[in-house]
Amino acid sequence: MKKIALIMLLTAAVFSVHANVLIYKGDSTNWSSCIATYDKGKFYKGSSTNWSDCIFTYKDGRIYKGDSTNWSDCVATYKDGKLYKGISTNWSDCIATYKNGKIYKGGSTNWSDCAANYKNGKLYKGDSTNWSDCIFTVSSRAGLPDAMIVWTVYHYYRIYFQ
């Protein structure tokens, strides 16, 4: 009996690490509100994990268009808490900075430049944690790199970075 319980516990642990991460619009976890799925380095439209629905690939700190890992398809690079345009890591190409759960515009970490805030599985506008300011809900943080949190906000809500 103990062996069966141990096997079940280990199986649950293995599958929970490899579970898809669903990203929902707003404060919802309703299936119809799912805007993206992250699974094994791939970012898909909606709740799909079909290769044809792959919109981004994350590998070695770089985010690529679609299912590609070709350098010419690189849309962003994530390094040391900063998201850069394309393959650049030049400070002038810095799009956003991620520090202590907050996403800032460009290379800034000034509170007035806070574009979004990640707390308890939710992304909020600016420095807010008010439910009415919730822009995304993340089903699980396990396996979701910081880079993809920053990219999600930037990709879907570029207006916060202007």
N, C-alpha and C. Protein backbone atom coordinates (compact mmCIF):
# COMPACT_ATOMS: atom_id res chain seq x y z
N MET A 1 0.82 -1.19 0.00
CA MET A 1 0.00 0.00 0.00
C MET A 1 0.87 1.26 0.00
N LYS A 2 1.96 1.25 0.78
CA LYS A 2 2.85 2.41 0.83
C LYS A 2 3.54 2.61 -0.52
N LYS A 3 3.87 1.50 -1.19
CA LYS A 3 4.52 1.61 -2.50
C LYS A 3 3.59 2.27 -3.51
N ILE A 4 2.33 1.88 -3.48
CA ILE A 4 1.36 2.45 -4.41
C ILE A 4 1.20 3.94 -4.15
N ALA A 5 1.10 4.31 -2.88
CA ALA A 5 0.96 5.73 -2.53
C ALA A 5 2.19 6.52 -2.97
N LEU A 6 3.37 5.94 -2.77
CA LEU A 6 4.60 6.61 -3.19
C LEU A 6 4.66 6.78 -4.70
N ILE A 7 4.28 5.74 -5.44
CA ILE A 7 4.27 5.80 -6.91
C ILE A 7 3.29 6.86 -7.38
N MET A 8 2.10 6.92 -6.77
CA MET A 8 1.11 7.92 -7.14
C MET A 8 1.63 9.34 -6.85
N LEU A 9 2.30 9.51 -5.73
CA LEU A 9 2.85 10.80 -5.37
C LEU A 9 3.94 11.23 -6.36
N LEU A 10 4.83 10.33 -6.70
CA LEU A 10 5.89 10.64 -7.66
C LEU A 10 5.33 10.93 -9.04
N THR A 11 4.34 10.16 -9.46
CA THR A 11 3.70 10.39 -10.76
C THR A 11 3.05 11.77 -10.80
N ALA A 12 2.35 12.14 -9.74
CA ALA A 12 1.72 13.46 -9.67
C ALA A 12 2.76 14.57 -9.73
N ALA A 13 3.87 14.36 -9.03
CA ALA A 13 4.95 15.37 -9.04
C ALA A 13 5.53 15.53 -10.44
N VAL A 14 5.77 14.44 -11.14
CA VAL A 14 6.34 14.49 -12.48
C VAL A 14 5.38 15.19 -13.44
N PHE A 15 4.11 14.82 -13.39
CA PHE A 15 3.15 15.41 -14.32
C PHE A 15 2.85 16.86 -13.99
N SER A 16 2.93 17.25 -12.72
CA SER A 16 2.67 18.66 -12.39
C SER A 16 3.79 19.56 -12.88
N VAL A 17 5.02 19.05 -12.94
CA VAL A 17 6.14 19.83 -13.45
C VAL A 17 6.00 20.05 -14.95
N HIS A 18 5.45 19.08 -15.66
CA HIS A 18 5.34 19.17 -17.11
C HIS A 18 3.96 19.62 -17.59
N ALA A 19 3.14 20.11 -16.67
CA ALA A 19 1.80 20.55 -17.04
C ALA A 19 1.87 21.84 -17.85
N ASN A 20 0.91 22.01 -18.72
CA ASN A 20 0.81 23.25 -19.49
C ASN A 20 0.51 24.41 -18.56
N VAL A 21 1.04 25.56 -18.89
CA VAL A 21 0.72 26.78 -18.16
C VAL A 21 -0.26 27.55 -19.02
N LEU A 22 -1.44 27.80 -18.48
CA LEU A 22 -2.46 28.52 -19.22
C LEU A 22 -2.47 29.98 -18.77
N ILE A 23 -2.63 30.88 -19.72
CA ILE A 23 -2.69 32.31 -19.41
C ILE A 23 -4.06 32.81 -19.84
N TYR A 24 -4.79 33.36 -18.87
CA TYR A 24 -6.16 33.81 -19.09
C TYR A 24 -6.22 35.32 -19.11
N LYS A 25 -7.17 35.85 -19.84
CA LYS A 25 -7.39 37.29 -19.89
C LYS A 25 -8.12 37.72 -18.62
N GLY A 26 -7.64 38.77 -18.01
CA GLY A 26 -8.29 39.31 -16.81
C GLY A 26 -8.18 38.40 -15.60
N ASP A 27 -9.16 38.50 -14.74
CA ASP A 27 -9.17 37.77 -13.47
C ASP A 27 -9.87 36.42 -13.60
N SER A 28 -10.04 35.94 -14.81
CA SER A 28 -10.80 34.73 -15.08
C SER A 28 -9.90 33.50 -15.17
N THR A 29 -10.47 32.34 -14.89
CA THR A 29 -9.82 31.07 -15.20
C THR A 29 -10.78 30.22 -16.02
N ASN A 30 -11.73 30.89 -16.65
CA ASN A 30 -12.70 30.23 -17.51
C ASN A 30 -12.00 29.81 -18.80
N TRP A 31 -12.27 28.61 -19.25
CA TRP A 31 -11.64 28.04 -20.46
C TRP A 31 -11.75 28.99 -21.65
N SER A 32 -12.87 29.66 -21.80
CA SER A 32 -13.07 30.56 -22.94
C SER A 32 -12.21 31.83 -22.84
N SER A 33 -11.67 32.12 -21.66
CA SER A 33 -10.82 33.30 -21.47
C SER A 33 -9.34 33.01 -21.69
N CYS A 34 -9.01 31.76 -22.01
CA CYS A 34 -7.61 31.38 -22.19
C CYS A 34 -7.08 32.02 -23.48
N ILE A 35 -6.05 32.85 -23.35
CA ILE A 35 -5.50 33.51 -24.53
C ILE A 35 -4.22 32.83 -25.03
N ALA A 36 -3.55 32.09 -24.12
CA ALA A 36 -2.30 31.45 -24.51
C ALA A 36 -1.97 30.28 -23.61
N THR A 37 -1.18 29.35 -24.16
CA THR A 37 -0.69 28.19 -23.41
C THR A 37 0.82 28.12 -23.59
N TYR A 38 1.52 27.89 -22.49
CA TYR A 38 2.97 27.71 -22.56
C TYR A 38 3.28 26.26 -22.19
N ASP A 39 3.98 25.57 -23.09
CA ASP A 39 4.31 24.17 -22.84
C ASP A 39 5.66 23.85 -23.48
N LYS A 40 6.60 23.42 -22.66
CA LYS A 40 7.92 22.94 -23.13
C LYS A 40 8.59 23.92 -24.09
N GLY A 41 8.61 25.19 -23.73
CA GLY A 41 9.31 26.18 -24.54
C GLY A 41 8.51 26.75 -25.69
N LYS A 42 7.27 26.34 -25.84
CA LYS A 42 6.42 26.84 -26.92
C LYS A 42 5.24 27.62 -26.33
N PHE A 43 4.88 28.69 -27.01
CA PHE A 43 3.79 29.57 -26.62
C PHE A 43 2.73 29.46 -27.70
N TYR A 44 1.53 28.97 -27.34
CA TYR A 44 0.47 28.69 -28.31
C TYR A 44 -0.71 29.63 -28.15
N LYS A 45 -1.47 29.80 -29.25
CA LYS A 45 -2.73 30.56 -29.20
C LYS A 45 -3.76 29.78 -28.39
N GLY A 46 -4.49 30.48 -27.55
CA GLY A 46 -5.57 29.86 -26.79
C GLY A 46 -5.10 28.69 -25.96
N SER A 47 -5.95 27.67 -25.85
CA SER A 47 -5.63 26.51 -25.02
C SER A 47 -5.02 25.37 -25.84
N SER A 48 -4.68 25.63 -27.08
CA SER A 48 -4.14 24.62 -27.97
C SER A 48 -2.66 24.34 -27.68
N THR A 49 -2.22 23.14 -28.01
CA THR A 49 -0.79 22.83 -28.04
C THR A 49 -0.45 22.19 -29.38
N ASN A 50 -1.27 22.50 -30.38
CA ASN A 50 -1.04 22.01 -31.74
C ASN A 50 0.08 22.82 -32.37
N TRP A 51 0.98 22.17 -33.08
CA TRP A 51 2.14 22.85 -33.68
C TRP A 51 1.71 24.02 -34.57
N SER A 52 0.57 23.91 -35.22
CA SER A 52 0.12 24.98 -36.12
C SER A 52 -0.34 26.23 -35.36
N ASP A 53 -0.58 26.09 -34.06
CA ASP A 53 -1.01 27.22 -33.23
C ASP A 53 0.15 27.85 -32.45
N CYS A 54 1.37 27.39 -32.70
CA CYS A 54 2.54 27.93 -32.00
C CYS A 54 2.83 29.34 -32.50
N ILE A 55 2.81 30.31 -31.58
CA ILE A 55 3.06 31.69 -31.99
C ILE A 55 4.47 32.15 -31.60
N PHE A 56 5.05 31.52 -30.55
CA PHE A 56 6.42 31.86 -30.14
C PHE A 56 7.11 30.62 -29.59
N THR A 57 8.43 30.62 -29.71
CA THR A 57 9.27 29.57 -29.12
C THR A 57 10.29 30.27 -28.23
N TYR A 58 10.48 29.71 -27.03
CA TYR A 58 11.48 30.25 -26.10
C TYR A 58 12.60 29.24 -25.93
N LYS A 59 13.82 29.67 -26.26
CA LYS A 59 14.97 28.77 -26.14
C LYS A 59 16.22 29.58 -25.85
N ASP A 60 16.95 29.18 -24.83
CA ASP A 60 18.23 29.79 -24.49
C ASP A 60 18.16 31.31 -24.37
N GLY A 61 17.10 31.81 -23.73
CA GLY A 61 16.99 33.25 -23.50
C GLY A 61 16.47 34.05 -24.68
N ARG A 62 16.08 33.38 -25.74
CA ARG A 62 15.57 34.09 -26.93
C ARG A 62 14.14 33.66 -27.23
N ILE A 63 13.37 34.61 -27.74
CA ILE A 63 11.97 34.36 -28.12
C ILE A 63 11.90 34.50 -29.64
N TYR A 64 11.40 33.45 -30.28
CA TYR A 64 11.34 33.39 -31.74
C TYR A 64 9.90 33.37 -32.23
N LYS A 65 9.67 33.83 -33.46
CA LYS A 65 8.35 33.76 -34.10
C LYS A 65 8.02 32.30 -34.39
N GLY A 66 6.79 31.93 -34.13
CA GLY A 66 6.30 30.60 -34.47
C GLY A 66 7.13 29.48 -33.87
N ASP A 67 7.31 28.43 -34.66
CA ASP A 67 8.01 27.23 -34.20
C ASP A 67 9.51 27.30 -34.51
N SER A 68 9.98 28.44 -34.97
CA SER A 68 11.36 28.60 -35.42
C SER A 68 12.34 28.80 -34.26
N THR A 69 13.59 28.46 -34.48
CA THR A 69 14.70 28.85 -33.60
C THR A 69 15.82 29.45 -34.45
N ASN A 70 15.45 29.96 -35.61
CA ASN A 70 16.40 30.60 -36.52
C ASN A 70 16.65 32.03 -36.02
N TRP A 71 17.90 32.47 -36.01
CA TRP A 71 18.23 33.79 -35.48
C TRP A 71 17.47 34.91 -36.19
N SER A 72 17.16 34.72 -37.46
CA SER A 72 16.44 35.77 -38.20
C SER A 72 14.98 35.90 -37.74
N ASP A 73 14.48 34.90 -37.03
CA ASP A 73 13.11 34.93 -36.51
C ASP A 73 13.06 35.35 -35.04
N CYS A 74 14.19 35.75 -34.47
CA CYS A 74 14.25 36.15 -33.07
C CYS A 74 13.57 37.51 -32.90
N VAL A 75 12.55 37.56 -32.06
CA VAL A 75 11.83 38.82 -31.81
C VAL A 75 12.30 39.50 -30.53
N ALA A 76 12.87 38.72 -29.60
CA ALA A 76 13.33 39.30 -28.34
C ALA A 76 14.37 38.41 -27.68
N THR A 77 15.22 39.03 -26.88
CA THR A 77 16.24 38.33 -26.09
C THR A 77 16.05 38.72 -24.64
N TYR A 78 16.09 37.73 -23.74
CA TYR A 78 15.95 37.97 -22.30
C TYR A 78 17.27 37.63 -21.62
N LYS A 79 17.85 38.63 -20.96
CA LYS A 79 19.13 38.41 -20.30
C LYS A 79 19.20 39.29 -19.05
N ASP A 80 19.56 38.67 -17.93
CA ASP A 80 19.75 39.38 -16.66
C ASP A 80 18.55 40.25 -16.29
N GLY A 81 17.34 39.71 -16.48
CA GLY A 81 16.13 40.43 -16.08
C GLY A 81 15.68 41.51 -17.05
N LYS A 82 16.30 41.55 -18.23
CA LYS A 82 15.93 42.57 -19.21
C LYS A 82 15.51 41.91 -20.52
N LEU A 83 14.49 42.48 -21.14
CA LEU A 83 13.98 42.01 -22.42
C LEU A 83 14.42 43.01 -23.49
N TYR A 84 15.11 42.51 -24.53
CA TYR A 84 15.64 43.35 -25.60
C TYR A 84 14.97 43.03 -26.93
N LYS A 85 14.98 43.98 -27.85
CA LYS A 85 14.45 43.77 -29.20
C LYS A 85 15.38 42.83 -29.95
N GLY A 86 14.81 41.88 -30.67
CA GLY A 86 15.58 40.98 -31.53
C GLY A 86 16.71 40.28 -30.82
N ILE A 87 17.86 40.18 -31.49
CA ILE A 87 19.00 39.46 -30.91
C ILE A 87 19.94 40.40 -30.13
N SER A 88 19.58 41.65 -30.05
CA SER A 88 20.42 42.64 -29.37
C SER A 88 20.39 42.47 -27.85
N THR A 89 21.47 42.86 -27.20
CA THR A 89 21.49 43.03 -25.75
C THR A 89 22.07 44.41 -25.42
N ASN A 90 21.93 45.33 -26.37
CA ASN A 90 22.39 46.70 -26.20
C ASN A 90 21.38 47.45 -25.33
N TRP A 91 21.86 48.27 -24.40
CA TRP A 91 20.96 48.96 -23.48
C TRP A 91 19.92 49.80 -24.21
N SER A 92 20.26 50.32 -25.38
CA SER A 92 19.31 51.16 -26.12
C SER A 92 18.16 50.35 -26.72
N ASP A 93 18.31 49.02 -26.79
CA ASP A 93 17.27 48.15 -27.32
C ASP A 93 16.45 47.47 -26.22
N CYS A 94 16.64 47.89 -24.99
CA CYS A 94 15.92 47.28 -23.86
C CYS A 94 14.44 47.70 -23.90
N ILE A 95 13.57 46.71 -23.95
CA ILE A 95 12.12 46.93 -24.00
C ILE A 95 11.53 47.00 -22.60
N ALA A 96 11.99 46.08 -21.74
CA ALA A 96 11.41 45.97 -20.40
C ALA A 96 12.41 45.36 -19.43
N THR A 97 12.20 45.65 -18.15
CA THR A 97 13.03 45.10 -17.08
C THR A 97 12.11 44.40 -16.09
N TYR A 98 12.51 43.19 -15.65
CA TYR A 98 11.73 42.42 -14.67
C TYR A 98 12.53 42.34 -13.38
N LYS A 99 11.95 42.89 -12.31
CA LYS A 99 12.65 42.87 -11.03
C LYS A 99 11.64 42.80 -9.89
N ASN A 100 11.83 41.84 -9.00
CA ASN A 100 10.97 41.68 -7.83
C ASN A 100 9.49 41.61 -8.18
N GLY A 101 9.16 40.91 -9.27
CA GLY A 101 7.77 40.73 -9.65
C GLY A 101 7.16 41.89 -10.42
N LYS A 102 7.94 42.90 -10.69
CA LYS A 102 7.43 44.06 -11.41
C LYS A 102 8.09 44.16 -12.79
N ILE A 103 7.31 44.61 -13.76
CA ILE A 103 7.79 44.78 -15.12
C ILE A 103 7.82 46.28 -15.41
N TYR A 104 9.01 46.77 -15.69
CA TYR A 104 9.22 48.20 -15.92
C TYR A 104 9.45 48.48 -17.40
N LYS A 105 9.15 49.70 -17.81
CA LYS A 105 9.41 50.15 -19.18
C LYS A 105 10.91 50.31 -19.38
N GLY A 106 11.40 49.83 -20.50
CA GLY A 106 12.81 49.98 -20.84
C GLY A 106 13.73 49.44 -19.78
N GLY A 107 14.84 50.12 -19.55
CA GLY A 107 15.83 49.68 -18.57
C GLY A 107 15.59 50.24 -17.18
N SER A 108 14.49 50.94 -16.98
CA SER A 108 14.19 51.59 -15.71
C SER A 108 13.73 50.60 -14.64
N THR A 109 13.95 50.97 -13.37
CA THR A 109 13.32 50.27 -12.25
C THR A 109 12.67 51.31 -11.32
N ASN A 110 12.33 52.45 -11.89
CA ASN A 110 11.67 53.52 -11.17
C ASN A 110 10.19 53.19 -11.03
N TRP A 111 9.61 53.42 -9.87
CA TRP A 111 8.21 53.06 -9.63
C TRP A 111 7.27 53.71 -10.64
N SER A 112 7.61 54.89 -11.12
CA SER A 112 6.73 55.57 -12.08
C SER A 112 6.75 54.91 -13.46
N ASP A 113 7.74 54.06 -13.72
CA ASP A 113 7.85 53.34 -14.99
C ASP A 113 7.33 51.90 -14.91
N CYS A 114 6.66 51.57 -13.82
CA CYS A 114 6.14 50.21 -13.65
C CYS A 114 4.96 49.99 -14.61
N ALA A 115 5.13 49.08 -15.57
CA ALA A 115 4.07 48.79 -16.55
C ALA A 115 3.12 47.71 -16.05
N ALA A 116 3.66 46.75 -15.29
CA ALA A 116 2.83 45.65 -14.79
C ALA A 116 3.47 45.05 -13.54
N ASN A 117 2.65 44.32 -12.81
CA ASN A 117 3.06 43.76 -11.53
C ASN A 117 2.58 42.31 -11.47
N TYR A 118 3.46 41.38 -11.14
CA TYR A 118 3.08 39.96 -11.03
C TYR A 118 3.02 39.58 -9.56
N LYS A 119 1.86 39.11 -9.12
CA LYS A 119 1.71 38.70 -7.73
C LYS A 119 0.63 37.63 -7.62
N ASN A 120 0.95 36.55 -6.94
CA ASN A 120 0.01 35.46 -6.68
C ASN A 120 -0.68 34.94 -7.93
N GLY A 121 0.08 34.76 -9.01
CA GLY A 121 -0.46 34.19 -10.24
C GLY A 121 -1.25 35.16 -11.09
N LYS A 122 -1.18 36.43 -10.77
CA LYS A 122 -1.92 37.42 -11.54
C LYS A 122 -0.98 38.55 -11.97
N LEU A 123 -1.24 39.07 -13.16
CA LEU A 123 -0.52 40.23 -13.67
C LEU A 123 -1.47 41.42 -13.65
N TYR A 124 -1.02 42.51 -13.05
CA TYR A 124 -1.84 43.70 -12.91
C TYR A 124 -1.24 44.88 -13.66
N LYS A 125 -2.07 45.83 -14.05
CA LYS A 125 -1.60 47.07 -14.68
C LYS A 125 -0.81 47.87 -13.66
N GLY A 126 0.29 48.42 -14.11
CA GLY A 126 1.09 49.29 -13.25
C GLY A 126 1.51 48.61 -11.97
N ASP A 127 1.50 49.35 -10.88
CA ASP A 127 1.93 48.84 -9.57
C ASP A 127 0.75 48.34 -8.74
N SER A 128 -0.41 48.23 -9.36
CA SER A 128 -1.64 47.87 -8.67
C SER A 128 -1.71 46.37 -8.36
N THR A 129 -2.49 46.02 -7.34
CA THR A 129 -2.88 44.63 -7.09
C THR A 129 -4.40 44.57 -6.90
N ASN A 130 -5.09 45.57 -7.42
CA ASN A 130 -6.54 45.64 -7.35
C ASN A 130 -7.14 44.69 -8.39
N TRP A 131 -8.16 43.95 -8.04
CA TRP A 131 -8.75 42.97 -8.96
C TRP A 131 -9.20 43.62 -10.26
N SER A 132 -9.65 44.86 -10.22
CA SER A 132 -10.12 45.52 -11.45
C SER A 132 -8.97 45.87 -12.40
N ASP A 133 -7.74 45.82 -11.91
CA ASP A 133 -6.56 46.10 -12.74
C ASP A 133 -5.87 44.83 -13.23
N CYS A 134 -6.48 43.68 -12.97
CA CYS A 134 -5.88 42.40 -13.37
C CYS A 134 -5.98 42.26 -14.90
N ILE A 135 -4.83 42.06 -15.56
CA ILE A 135 -4.84 41.90 -17.01
C ILE A 135 -4.69 40.44 -17.43
N PHE A 136 -3.99 39.63 -16.62
CA PHE A 136 -3.81 38.21 -16.90
C PHE A 136 -3.83 37.40 -15.62
N THR A 137 -4.28 36.16 -15.74
CA THR A 137 -4.16 35.19 -14.67
C THR A 137 -3.36 34.02 -15.22
N VAL A 138 -2.36 33.58 -14.46
CA VAL A 138 -1.48 32.48 -14.87
C VAL A 138 -1.86 31.26 -14.05
N SER A 139 -2.14 30.13 -14.74
CA SER A 139 -2.62 28.94 -14.04
C SER A 139 -1.60 28.36 -13.07
N SER A 140 -0.33 28.44 -13.43
CA SER A 140 0.73 27.89 -12.58
C SER A 140 2.03 28.54 -12.98
N ARG A 141 2.83 28.89 -12.03
CA ARG A 141 4.12 29.50 -12.35
C ARG A 141 5.17 28.43 -12.66
N ALA A 142 4.91 27.19 -12.26
CA ALA A 142 5.88 26.11 -12.47
C ALA A 142 6.20 25.95 -13.96
N GLY A 143 7.45 26.09 -14.30
CA GLY A 143 7.88 25.89 -15.68
C GLY A 143 7.75 27.10 -16.57
N LEU A 144 7.21 28.19 -16.07
CA LEU A 144 7.04 29.39 -16.88
C LEU A 144 8.20 30.35 -16.58
N PRO A 145 9.10 30.53 -17.54
CA PRO A 145 10.25 31.42 -17.30
C PRO A 145 9.82 32.88 -17.16
N ASP A 146 10.60 33.63 -16.40
CA ASP A 146 10.35 35.07 -16.23
C ASP A 146 10.22 35.75 -17.59
N ALA A 147 11.06 35.34 -18.52
CA ALA A 147 11.05 35.94 -19.86
C ALA A 147 9.67 35.88 -20.49
N MET A 148 8.96 34.77 -20.32
CA MET A 148 7.66 34.62 -20.95
C MET A 148 6.58 35.45 -20.25
N ILE A 149 6.77 35.71 -18.96
CA ILE A 149 5.84 36.60 -18.26
C ILE A 149 6.00 38.01 -18.82
N VAL A 150 7.24 38.46 -18.92
CA VAL A 150 7.50 39.79 -19.45
C VAL A 150 7.03 39.90 -20.89
N TRP A 151 7.34 38.88 -21.70
CA TRP A 151 6.94 38.90 -23.11
C TRP A 151 5.42 38.91 -23.26
N THR A 152 4.72 38.17 -22.43
CA THR A 152 3.25 38.13 -22.50
C THR A 152 2.67 39.53 -22.33
N VAL A 153 3.13 40.23 -21.31
CA VAL A 153 2.62 41.58 -21.07
C VAL A 153 2.99 42.49 -22.23
N TYR A 154 4.24 42.42 -22.67
CA TYR A 154 4.68 43.29 -23.76
C TYR A 154 3.92 42.99 -25.06
N HIS A 155 3.82 41.71 -25.39
CA HIS A 155 3.18 41.31 -26.65
C HIS A 155 1.70 41.71 -26.70
N TYR A 156 0.97 41.46 -25.62
CA TYR A 156 -0.47 41.72 -25.64
C TYR A 156 -0.85 43.15 -25.23
N TYR A 157 0.02 43.83 -24.49
CA TYR A 157 -0.32 45.16 -23.99
C TYR A 157 0.83 46.14 -24.20
N ARG A 158 1.26 46.32 -25.42
CA ARG A 158 2.38 47.23 -25.72
C ARG A 158 2.07 48.66 -25.31
N ILE A 159 0.80 48.99 -25.21
CA ILE A 159 0.43 50.36 -24.86
C ILE A 159 1.01 50.76 -23.50
N TYR A 160 1.22 49.81 -22.60
CA TYR A 160 1.78 50.13 -21.29
C TYR A 160 3.25 50.52 -21.38
N PHE A 161 3.88 50.27 -22.50
CA PHE A 161 5.31 50.54 -22.66
C PHE A 161 5.58 51.81 -23.47
N GLN A 162 4.56 52.57 -23.76
CA GLN A 162 4.74 53.80 -24.54
C GLN A 162 4.90 55.00 -23.65
